[in-house]
C-alpha atoms as a PDB file:
ATOM      1  CA  UNK A   1     174.248 141.025 204.995  1.00  0.00           C
ATOM      2  CA  UNK A   2     176.901 141.161 207.459  1.00  0.00           C
ATOM      3  CA  UNK A   3     177.821 137.470 207.197  1.00  0.00           C
ATOM      4  CA  UNK A   4     178.004 137.926 203.164  1.00  0.00           C
ATOM      5  CA  UNK A   5     180.659 141.075 204.080  1.00  0.00           C
ATOM      6  CA  UNK A   6     182.563 138.778 206.316  1.00  0.00           C
ATOM      7  CA  UNK A   7     182.731 135.746 203.808  1.00  0.00           C
ATOM      8  CA  UNK A   8     183.748 138.324 201.142  1.00  0.00           C
ATOM      9  CA  UNK A   9     186.864 139.546 203.189  1.00  0.00           C
ATOM     10  CA  UNK A  10     187.762 135.838 204.112  1.00  0.00           C
ATOM     11  CA  UNK A  11     187.685 134.881 200.366  1.00  0.00           C
ATOM     12  CA  UNK A  12     191.289 134.443 199.134  1.00  0.00           C
ATOM     13  CA  UNK A  13     190.400 133.762 195.578  1.00  0.00           C
ATOM     14  CA  UNK A  14     192.002 136.166 193.083  1.00  0.00           C
ATOM     15  CA  UNK A  15     194.153 138.147 195.512  1.00  0.00           C
ATOM     16  CA  UNK A  16     197.475 136.574 194.459  1.00  0.00           C
ATOM     17  CA  UNK A  17     197.641 138.702 191.124  1.00  0.00           C
ATOM     18  CA  UNK A  18     196.732 141.754 193.107  1.00  0.00           C
ATOM     19  CA  UNK A  19     199.419 141.099 195.791  1.00  0.00           C
ATOM     20  CA  UNK A  20     202.040 140.551 193.014  1.00  0.00           C
ATOM     21  CA  UNK A  21     201.052 143.760 191.261  1.00  0.00           C
ATOM     22  CA  UNK A  22     201.407 145.686 194.639  1.00  0.00           C
ATOM     23  CA  UNK A  23     204.847 144.043 195.334  1.00  0.00           C
ATOM     24  CA  UNK A  24     205.857 145.018 192.116  1.00  0.00           C
ATOM     25  CA  UNK A  25     204.838 148.513 192.546  1.00  0.00           C
ATOM     26  CA  UNK A  26     206.357 148.768 195.893  1.00  0.00           C
ATOM     27  CA  UNK A  27     209.799 147.398 194.599  1.00  0.00           C
ATOM     28  CA  UNK A  28     209.818 149.846 191.625  1.00  0.00           C
ATOM     29  CA  UNK A  29     209.108 152.850 194.030  1.00  0.00           C
ATOM     30  CA  UNK A  30     211.846 151.735 196.058  1.00  0.00           C
ATOM     31  CA  UNK A  31     214.294 151.749 193.067  1.00  0.00           C
ATOM     32  CA  UNK A  32     213.327 154.923 191.697  1.00  0.00           C
ATOM     33  CA  UNK A  33     213.582 156.610 195.126  1.00  0.00           C
ATOM     34  CA  UNK A  34     217.055 155.146 195.506  1.00  0.00           C
ATOM     35  CA  UNK A  35     218.292 155.043 191.903  1.00  0.00           C
ATOM     36  CA  UNK A  36     220.779 157.607 192.285  1.00  0.00           C
ATOM     37  CA  UNK A  37     222.725 155.591 195.073  1.00  0.00           C
ATOM     38  CA  UNK A  38     222.265 152.275 193.280  1.00  0.00           C
ATOM     39  CA  UNK A  39     223.775 153.970 189.975  1.00  0.00           C
ATOM     40  CA  UNK A  40     226.918 155.154 191.904  1.00  0.00           C
ATOM     41  CA  UNK A  41     227.190 151.741 193.623  1.00  0.00           C
ATOM     42  CA  UNK A  42     226.728 149.579 190.662  1.00  0.00           C
ATOM     43  CA  UNK A  43     229.319 152.104 188.455  1.00  0.00           C
ATOM     44  CA  UNK A  44     231.755 151.443 190.997  1.00  0.00           C
ATOM     45  CA  UNK A  45     231.387 147.926 191.111  1.00  0.00           C
ATOM     46  CA  UNK A  46     231.443 147.704 187.367  1.00  0.00           C
ATOM     47  CA  UNK A  47     234.628 149.929 187.221  1.00  0.00           C
ATOM     48  CA  UNK A  48     236.305 147.985 190.022  1.00  0.00           C
ATOM     49  CA  UNK A  49     235.644 144.655 188.195  1.00  0.00           C
ATOM     50  CA  UNK A  50     236.841 145.638 184.776  1.00  0.00           C
ATOM     51  CA  UNK A  51     240.051 147.367 186.501  1.00  0.00           C
ATOM     52  CA  UNK A  52     240.874 144.699 188.267  1.00  0.00           C
ATOM     53  CA  UNK A  53     240.466 142.525 184.950  1.00  0.00           C
ATOM     54  CA  UNK A  54     242.654 144.870 182.814  1.00  0.00           C
ATOM     55  CA  UNK A  55     245.374 144.910 185.232  1.00  0.00           C
ATOM     56  CA  UNK A  56     245.328 140.940 185.426  1.00  0.00           C
ATOM     57  CA  UNK A  57     245.263 140.751 181.602  1.00  0.00           C
ATOM     58  CA  UNK A  58     248.236 143.390 181.496  1.00  0.00           C
ATOM     59  CA  UNK A  59     250.290 141.001 183.762  1.00  0.00           C
ATOM     60  CA  UNK A  60     250.290 138.582 180.764  1.00  0.00           C
END
């Protein structure tokens, strides 16, 4: 009985999809946790890029 349990634990078949699901869940949890900070930083970055583009186009 114990040997079958150990063989079951060593069996790696089918673990890849479970690992990917857990990885996606962890990444989603981190994104939801820090979404306000990410939103502020991404908004600032986009505004900076478009502000620079507008100033360069205004020079023409």
